[in-house]
Amino acid sequence: MAGHSKWKKVKHKKGKADDRKGKLFSKLSRNITIAAQSGMSDPSMNSRLRSAIQSAKDANMPKDKIQRAIDNSKNTRN
């Protein structure tokens, strides 16, 4: 049965899942950046940023990506 390998099925399924996760992480990262630009970059002082970070954590976004989005807001502000 040519073309019916299990690896191909896994590869396509993982590719779709990775695309969905990438789009979601981009959206969440953008929300974090905008929230950090609109106020303080400290989540305890900025409720919008706090809620954006919480939604990113709920989606299992890694801490380094969250921190990178906050740092990115500082770079674009100047």
PDB file of N, CA and C in Angstrom:
ATOM      1  N   MET A   1       0.842  -1.181   0.000  1.00  0.00           N
ATOM      2  CA  MET A   1       0.000   0.000   0.000  1.00  0.00           C
ATOM      3  C   MET A   1       0.887   1.243   0.000  1.00  0.00           C
ATOM      4  N   ALA A   2       1.199   1.675  -1.164  1.00  0.00           N
ATOM      5  CA  ALA A   2       2.076   2.834  -1.301  1.00  0.00           C
ATOM      6  C   ALA A   2       1.360   4.107  -0.861  1.00  0.00           C
ATOM      7  N   GLY A   3       2.081   4.932  -0.116  1.00  0.00           N
ATOM      8  CA  GLY A   3       1.529   6.224   0.291  1.00  0.00           C
ATOM      9  C   GLY A   3       0.642   6.189   1.522  1.00  0.00           C
ATOM     10  N   HIS A   4       0.592   5.081   2.203  1.00  0.00           N
ATOM     11  CA  HIS A   4      -0.269   4.969   3.371  1.00  0.00           C
ATOM     12  C   HIS A   4       0.541   4.734   4.641  1.00  0.00           C
ATOM     13  N   SER A   5       1.565   5.521   4.821  1.00  0.00           N
ATOM     14  CA  SER A   5       2.390   5.325   6.002  1.00  0.00           C
ATOM     15  C   SER A   5       1.811   6.085   7.199  1.00  0.00           C
ATOM     16  N   LYS A   6       2.039   5.526   8.361  1.00  0.00           N
ATOM     17  CA  LYS A   6       1.545   6.148   9.588  1.00  0.00           C
ATOM     18  C   LYS A   6       2.229   7.489   9.824  1.00  0.00           C
ATOM     19  N   TRP A   7       3.510   7.584   9.468  1.00  0.00           N
ATOM     20  CA  TRP A   7       4.255   8.816   9.690  1.00  0.00           C
ATOM     21  C   TRP A   7       3.666   9.979   8.895  1.00  0.00           C
ATOM     22  N   LYS A   8       3.227   9.734   7.680  1.00  0.00           N
ATOM     23  CA  LYS A   8       2.630  10.795   6.863  1.00  0.00           C
ATOM     24  C   LYS A   8       1.376  11.343   7.540  1.00  0.00           C
ATOM     25  N   LYS A   9       0.563  10.451   8.087  1.00  0.00           N
ATOM     26  CA  LYS A   9      -0.661  10.865   8.764  1.00  0.00           C
ATOM     27  C   LYS A   9      -0.326  11.719   9.985  1.00  0.00           C
ATOM     28  N   VAL A  10       0.655  11.294  10.767  1.00  0.00           N
ATOM     29  CA  VAL A  10       1.084  12.041  11.951  1.00  0.00           C
ATOM     30  C   VAL A  10       1.643  13.396  11.540  1.00  0.00           C
ATOM     31  N   LYS A  11       2.447  13.410  10.476  1.00  0.00           N
ATOM     32  CA  LYS A  11       3.072  14.647  10.012  1.00  0.00           C
ATOM     33  C   LYS A  11       2.024  15.682   9.598  1.00  0.00           C
ATOM     34  N   HIS A  12       1.015  15.250   8.870  1.00  0.00           N
ATOM     35  CA  HIS A  12      -0.028  16.181   8.438  1.00  0.00           C
ATOM     36  C   HIS A  12      -0.864  16.672   9.619  1.00  0.00           C
ATOM     37  N   LYS A  13      -1.174  15.776  10.531  1.00  0.00           N
ATOM     38  CA  LYS A  13      -1.967  16.147  11.708  1.00  0.00           C
ATOM     39  C   LYS A  13      -1.193  17.136  12.583  1.00  0.00           C
ATOM     40  N   LYS A  14       0.103  16.868  12.792  1.00  0.00           N
ATOM     41  CA  LYS A  14       0.945  17.752  13.600  1.00  0.00           C
ATOM     42  C   LYS A  14       1.131  19.101  12.912  1.00  0.00           C
ATOM     43  N   GLY A  15       1.261  19.089  11.604  1.00  0.00           N
ATOM     44  CA  GLY A  15       1.402  20.340  10.859  1.00  0.00           C
ATOM     45  C   GLY A  15       0.198  21.247  11.027  1.00  0.00           C
ATOM     46  N   LYS A  16      -0.998  20.673  10.956  1.00  0.00           N
ATOM     47  CA  LYS A  16      -2.212  21.470  11.148  1.00  0.00           C
ATOM     48  C   LYS A  16      -2.288  22.018  12.567  1.00  0.00           C
ATOM     49  N   ALA A  17      -1.955  21.182  13.543  1.00  0.00           N
ATOM     50  CA  ALA A  17      -1.995  21.613  14.942  1.00  0.00           C
ATOM     51  C   ALA A  17      -0.974  22.722  15.193  1.00  0.00           C
ATOM     52  N   ASP A  18       0.222  22.594  14.612  1.00  0.00           N
ATOM     53  CA  ASP A  18       1.256  23.616  14.777  1.00  0.00           C
ATOM     54  C   ASP A  18       0.845  24.941  14.137  1.00  0.00           C
ATOM     55  N   ASP A  19       0.163  24.873  12.990  1.00  0.00           N
ATOM     56  CA  ASP A  19      -0.314  26.094  12.348  1.00  0.00           C
ATOM     57  C   ASP A  19      -1.340  26.807  13.218  1.00  0.00           C
ATOM     58  N   ARG A  20      -2.273  26.032  13.795  1.00  0.00           N
ATOM     59  CA  ARG A  20      -3.283  26.628  14.662  1.00  0.00           C
ATOM     60  C   ARG A  20      -2.640  27.253  15.896  1.00  0.00           C
ATOM     61  N   LYS A  21      -1.686  26.536  16.487  1.00  0.00           N
ATOM     62  CA  LYS A  21      -1.016  27.041  17.688  1.00  0.00           C
ATOM     63  C   LYS A  21      -0.204  28.296  17.366  1.00  0.00           C
ATOM     64  N   GLY A  22       0.442  28.323  16.226  1.00  0.00           N
ATOM     65  CA  GLY A  22       1.222  29.485  15.815  1.00  0.00           C
ATOM     66  C   GLY A  22       0.354  30.723  15.633  1.00  0.00           C
ATOM     67  N   LYS A  23      -0.810  30.550  15.008  1.00  0.00           N
ATOM     68  CA  LYS A  23      -1.723  31.679  14.824  1.00  0.00           C
ATOM     69  C   LYS A  23      -2.233  32.185  16.167  1.00  0.00           C
ATOM     70  N   LEU A  24      -2.552  31.265  17.060  1.00  0.00           N
ATOM     71  CA  LEU A  24      -3.044  31.656  18.380  1.00  0.00           C
ATOM     72  C   LEU A  24      -1.966  32.387  19.171  1.00  0.00           C
ATOM     73  N   PHE A  25      -0.734  31.861  19.152  1.00  0.00           N
ATOM     74  CA  PHE A  25       0.358  32.502  19.882  1.00  0.00           C
ATOM     75  C   PHE A  25       0.655  33.890  19.312  1.00  0.00           C
ATOM     76  N   SER A  26       0.559  34.059  17.998  1.00  0.00           N
ATOM     77  CA  SER A  26       0.791  35.371  17.393  1.00  0.00           C
ATOM     78  C   SER A  26      -0.261  36.368  17.869  1.00  0.00           C
ATOM     79  N   LYS A  27      -1.506  35.926  17.909  1.00  0.00           N
ATOM     80  CA  LYS A  27      -2.597  36.793  18.363  1.00  0.00           C
ATOM     81  C   LYS A  27      -2.406  37.185  19.825  1.00  0.00           C
ATOM     82  N   LEU A  28      -2.064  36.197  20.666  1.00  0.00           N
ATOM     83  CA  LEU A  28      -1.869  36.474  22.085  1.00  0.00           C
ATOM     84  C   LEU A  28      -0.660  37.376  22.307  1.00  0.00           C
ATOM     85  N   SER A  29       0.394  37.166  21.559  1.00  0.00           N
ATOM     86  CA  SER A  29       1.592  37.986  21.678  1.00  0.00           C
ATOM     87  C   SER A  29       1.295  39.428  21.286  1.00  0.00           C
ATOM     88  N   ARG A  30       0.518  39.606  20.241  1.00  0.00           N
ATOM     89  CA  ARG A  30       0.118  40.947  19.811  1.00  0.00           C
ATOM     90  C   ARG A  30      -0.710  41.634  20.889  1.00  0.00           C
ATOM     91  N   ASN A  31      -1.622  40.882  21.509  1.00  0.00           N
ATOM     92  CA  ASN A  31      -2.441  41.449  22.584  1.00  0.00           C
ATOM     93  C   ASN A  31      -1.585  41.877  23.774  1.00  0.00           C
ATOM     94  N   ILE A  32      -0.592  41.054  24.116  1.00  0.00           N
ATOM     95  CA  ILE A  32       0.303  41.392  25.227  1.00  0.00           C
ATOM     96  C   ILE A  32       1.107  42.648  24.903  1.00  0.00           C
ATOM     97  N   THR A  33       1.616  42.736  23.685  1.00  0.00           N
ATOM     98  CA  THR A  33       2.415  43.889  23.281  1.00  0.00           C
ATOM     99  C   THR A  33       1.589  45.171  23.328  1.00  0.00           C
ATOM    100  N   ILE A  34       0.377  45.116  22.813  1.00  0.00           N
ATOM    101  CA  ILE A  34      -0.487  46.298  22.811  1.00  0.00           C
ATOM    102  C   ILE A  34      -0.857  46.705  24.236  1.00  0.00           C
ATOM    103  N   ALA A  35      -1.155  45.710  25.081  1.00  0.00           N
ATOM    104  CA  ALA A  35      -1.508  46.010  26.471  1.00  0.00           C
ATOM    105  C   ALA A  35      -0.326  46.630  27.211  1.00  0.00           C
ATOM    106  N   ALA A  36       0.880  46.156  26.944  1.00  0.00           N
ATOM    107  CA  ALA A  36       2.058  46.701  27.617  1.00  0.00           C
ATOM    108  C   ALA A  36       2.366  48.108  27.112  1.00  0.00           C
ATOM    109  N   GLN A  37       2.058  48.388  25.851  1.00  0.00           N
ATOM    110  CA  GLN A  37       2.292  49.724  25.308  1.00  0.00           C
ATOM    111  C   GLN A  37       1.285  50.728  25.853  1.00  0.00           C
ATOM    112  N   SER A  38       0.066  50.264  26.112  1.00  0.00           N
ATOM    113  CA  SER A  38      -0.991  51.186  26.531  1.00  0.00           C
ATOM    114  C   SER A  38      -0.830  51.655  27.971  1.00  0.00           C
ATOM    115  N   GLY A  39      -0.070  50.929  28.761  1.00  0.00           N
ATOM    116  CA  GLY A  39       0.114  51.330  30.158  1.00  0.00           C
ATOM    117  C   GLY A  39       1.475  50.901  30.654  1.00  0.00           C
ATOM    118  N   MET A  40       1.527  50.568  31.912  1.00  0.00           N
ATOM    119  CA  MET A  40       2.770  50.104  32.518  1.00  0.00           C
ATOM    120  C   MET A  40       3.099  48.702  32.013  1.00  0.00           C
ATOM    121  N   SER A  41       4.377  48.367  31.984  1.00  0.00           N
ATOM    122  CA  SER A  41       4.768  47.023  31.564  1.00  0.00           C
ATOM    123  C   SER A  41       4.806  46.054  32.749  1.00  0.00           C
ATOM    124  N   ASP A  42       4.319  46.527  33.897  1.00  0.00           N
ATOM    125  CA  ASP A  42       4.225  45.698  35.093  1.00  0.00           C
ATOM    126  C   ASP A  42       2.794  45.172  35.202  1.00  0.00           C
ATOM    127  N   PRO A  43       2.585  43.848  35.180  1.00  0.00           N
ATOM    128  CA  PRO A  43       1.236  43.297  35.222  1.00  0.00           C
ATOM    129  C   PRO A  43       0.456  43.646  36.486  1.00  0.00           C
ATOM    130  N   SER A  44       1.145  43.887  37.597  1.00  0.00           N
ATOM    131  CA  SER A  44       0.424  44.219  38.828  1.00  0.00           C
ATOM    132  C   SER A  44      -0.188  45.623  38.759  1.00  0.00           C
ATOM    133  N   MET A  45       0.343  46.467  37.900  1.00  0.00           N
ATOM    134  CA  MET A  45      -0.170  47.833  37.752  1.00  0.00           C
ATOM    135  C   MET A  45      -1.071  48.001  36.526  1.00  0.00           C
ATOM    136  N   ASN A  46      -1.045  47.027  35.605  1.00  0.00           N
ATOM    137  CA  ASN A  46      -1.781  47.130  34.351  1.00  0.00           C
ATOM    138  C   ASN A  46      -2.735  45.936  34.250  1.00  0.00           C
ATOM    139  N   SER A  47      -4.019  46.175  34.477  1.00  0.00           N
ATOM    140  CA  SER A  47      -4.987  45.063  34.486  1.00  0.00           C
ATOM    141  C   SER A  47      -5.187  44.466  33.106  1.00  0.00           C
ATOM    142  N   ARG A  48      -5.094  45.273  32.066  1.00  0.00           N
ATOM    143  CA  ARG A  48      -5.236  44.755  30.698  1.00  0.00           C
ATOM    144  C   ARG A  48      -4.092  43.794  30.372  1.00  0.00           C
ATOM    145  N   LEU A  49      -2.891  44.162  30.784  1.00  0.00           N
ATOM    146  CA  LEU A  49      -1.735  43.293  30.566  1.00  0.00           C
ATOM    147  C   LEU A  49      -1.865  42.016  31.391  1.00  0.00           C
ATOM    148  N   ARG A  50      -2.349  42.146  32.612  1.00  0.00           N
ATOM    149  CA  ARG A  50      -2.528  40.984  33.472  1.00  0.00           C
ATOM    150  C   ARG A  50      -3.497  39.977  32.837  1.00  0.00           C
ATOM    151  N   SER A  51      -4.602  40.466  32.296  1.00  0.00           N
ATOM    152  CA  SER A  51      -5.573  39.563  31.671  1.00  0.00           C
ATOM    153  C   SER A  51      -5.033  38.969  30.379  1.00  0.00           C
ATOM    154  N   ALA A  52      -4.228  39.728  29.624  1.00  0.00           N
ATOM    155  CA  ALA A  52      -3.621  39.208  28.396  1.00  0.00           C
ATOM    156  C   ALA A  52      -2.612  38.104  28.732  1.00  0.00           C
ATOM    157  N   ILE A  53      -1.840  38.295  29.784  1.00  0.00           N
ATOM    158  CA  ILE A  53      -0.878  37.277  30.208  1.00  0.00           C
ATOM    159  C   ILE A  53      -1.606  36.037  30.702  1.00  0.00           C
ATOM    160  N   GLN A  54      -2.697  36.225  31.425  1.00  0.00           N
ATOM    161  CA  GLN A  54      -3.452  35.082  31.924  1.00  0.00           C
ATOM    162  C   GLN A  54      -4.053  34.266  30.777  1.00  0.00           C
ATOM    163  N   SER A  55      -4.557  34.945  29.760  1.00  0.00           N
ATOM    164  CA  SER A  55      -5.113  34.212  28.617  1.00  0.00           C
ATOM    165  C   SER A  55      -4.011  33.480  27.860  1.00  0.00           C
ATOM    166  N   ALA A  56      -2.808  34.045  27.816  1.00  0.00           N
ATOM    167  CA  ALA A  56      -1.683  33.366  27.176  1.00  0.00           C
ATOM    168  C   ALA A  56      -1.266  32.135  27.981  1.00  0.00           C
ATOM    169  N   LYS A  57      -1.273  32.256  29.297  1.00  0.00           N
ATOM    170  CA  LYS A  57      -0.942  31.107  30.138  1.00  0.00           C
ATOM    171  C   LYS A  57      -1.988  30.011  30.011  1.00  0.00           C
ATOM    172  N   ASP A  58      -3.253  30.405  29.873  1.00  0.00           N
ATOM    173  CA  ASP A  58      -4.321  29.419  29.697  1.00  0.00           C
ATOM    174  C   ASP A  58      -4.158  28.643  28.393  1.00  0.00           C
ATOM    175  N   ALA A  59      -3.549  29.292  27.388  1.00  0.00           N
ATOM    176  CA  ALA A  59      -3.318  28.639  26.104  1.00  0.00           C
ATOM    177  C   ALA A  59      -1.968  27.918  26.067  1.00  0.00           C
ATOM    178  N   ASN A  60      -1.304  27.779  27.219  1.00  0.00           N
ATOM    179  CA  ASN A  60      -0.007  27.099  27.346  1.00  0.00           C
ATOM    180  C   ASN A  60       1.100  27.776  26.544  1.00  0.00           C
ATOM    181  N   MET A  61       1.077  29.087  26.497  1.00  0.00           N
ATOM    182  CA  MET A  61       2.137  29.841  25.838  1.00  0.00           C
ATOM    183  C   MET A  61       3.346  29.873  26.759  1.00  0.00           C
ATOM    184  N   PRO A  62       4.547  29.568  26.244  1.00  0.00           N
ATOM    185  CA  PRO A  62       5.745  29.539  27.090  1.00  0.00           C
ATOM    186  C   PRO A  62       6.070  30.913  27.689  1.00  0.00           C
ATOM    187  N   LYS A  63       6.673  30.886  28.875  1.00  0.00           N
ATOM    188  CA  LYS A  63       6.997  32.123  29.599  1.00  0.00           C
ATOM    189  C   LYS A  63       7.961  33.004  28.818  1.00  0.00           C
ATOM    190  N   ASP A  64       8.910  32.395  28.104  1.00  0.00           N
ATOM    191  CA  ASP A  64       9.873  33.207  27.359  1.00  0.00           C
ATOM    192  C   ASP A  64       9.205  33.962  26.210  1.00  0.00           C
ATOM    193  N   LYS A  65       8.187  33.398  25.601  1.00  0.00           N
ATOM    194  CA  LYS A  65       7.464  34.103  24.548  1.00  0.00           C
ATOM    195  C   LYS A  65       6.642  35.254  25.124  1.00  0.00           C
ATOM    196  N   ILE A  66       6.077  35.050  26.305  1.00  0.00           N
ATOM    197  CA  ILE A  66       5.331  36.125  26.970  1.00  0.00           C
ATOM    198  C   ILE A  66       6.277  37.271  27.318  1.00  0.00           C
ATOM    199  N   GLN A  67       7.429  36.940  27.882  1.00  0.00           N
ATOM    200  CA  GLN A  67       8.404  37.964  28.248  1.00  0.00           C
ATOM    201  C   GLN A  67       8.932  38.681  27.009  1.00  0.00           C
ATOM    202  N   ARG A  68       9.130  37.952  25.921  1.00  0.00           N
ATOM    203  CA  ARG A  68       9.605  38.560  24.675  1.00  0.00           C
ATOM    204  C   ARG A  68       8.581  39.566  24.143  1.00  0.00           C
ATOM    205  N   ALA A  69       7.284  39.246  24.274  1.00  0.00           N
ATOM    206  CA  ALA A  69       6.244  40.170  23.819  1.00  0.00           C
ATOM    207  C   ALA A  69       6.235  41.443  24.665  1.00  0.00           C
ATOM    208  N   ILE A  70       6.448  41.303  25.965  1.00  0.00           N
ATOM    209  CA  ILE A  70       6.510  42.483  26.839  1.00  0.00           C
ATOM    210  C   ILE A  70       7.741  43.315  26.508  1.00  0.00           C
ATOM    211  N   ASP A  71       8.879  42.654  26.310  1.00  0.00           N
ATOM    212  CA  ASP A  71      10.105  43.373  25.958  1.00  0.00           C
ATOM    213  C   ASP A  71       9.980  44.054  24.600  1.00  0.00           C
ATOM    214  N   ASN A  72       9.260  43.428  23.694  1.00  0.00           N
ATOM    215  CA  ASN A  72       9.066  43.991  22.366  1.00  0.00           C
ATOM    216  C   ASN A  72       8.290  45.303  22.438  1.00  0.00           C
ATOM    217  N   SER A  73       7.376  45.397  23.387  1.00  0.00           N
ATOM    218  CA  SER A  73       6.599  46.626  23.537  1.00  0.00           C
ATOM    219  C   SER A  73       7.495  47.782  23.989  1.00  0.00           C
ATOM    220  N   LYS A  74       8.507  47.484  24.770  1.00  0.00           N
ATOM    221  CA  LYS A  74       9.439  48.529  25.212  1.00  0.00           C
ATOM    222  C   LYS A  74      10.277  49.035  24.057  1.00  0.00           C
ATOM    223  N   ASN A  75      10.645  48.120  23.136  1.00  0.00           N
ATOM    224  CA  ASN A  75      11.471  48.505  21.993  1.00  0.00           C
ATOM    225  C   ASN A  75      10.681  49.336  20.975  1.00  0.00           C
ATOM    226  N   THR A  76       9.406  49.038  20.801  1.00  0.00           N
ATOM    227  CA  THR A  76       8.615  49.769  19.809  1.00  0.00           C
ATOM    228  C   THR A  76       8.133  51.105  20.330  1.00  0.00           C
ATOM    229  N   ARG A  77       8.181  51.286  21.633  1.00  0.00           N
ATOM    230  CA  ARG A  77       7.705  52.532  22.238  1.00  0.00           C
ATOM    231  C   ARG A  77       8.659  53.682  21.940  1.00  0.00           C
ATOM    232  N   ASN A  78       9.945  53.403  21.820  1.00  0.00           N
ATOM    233  CA  ASN A  78      10.947  54.462  21.600  1.00  0.00           C
ATOM    234  C   ASN A  78      10.936  54.978  20.191  1.00  0.00           C
TER     235      ASN A  78
END
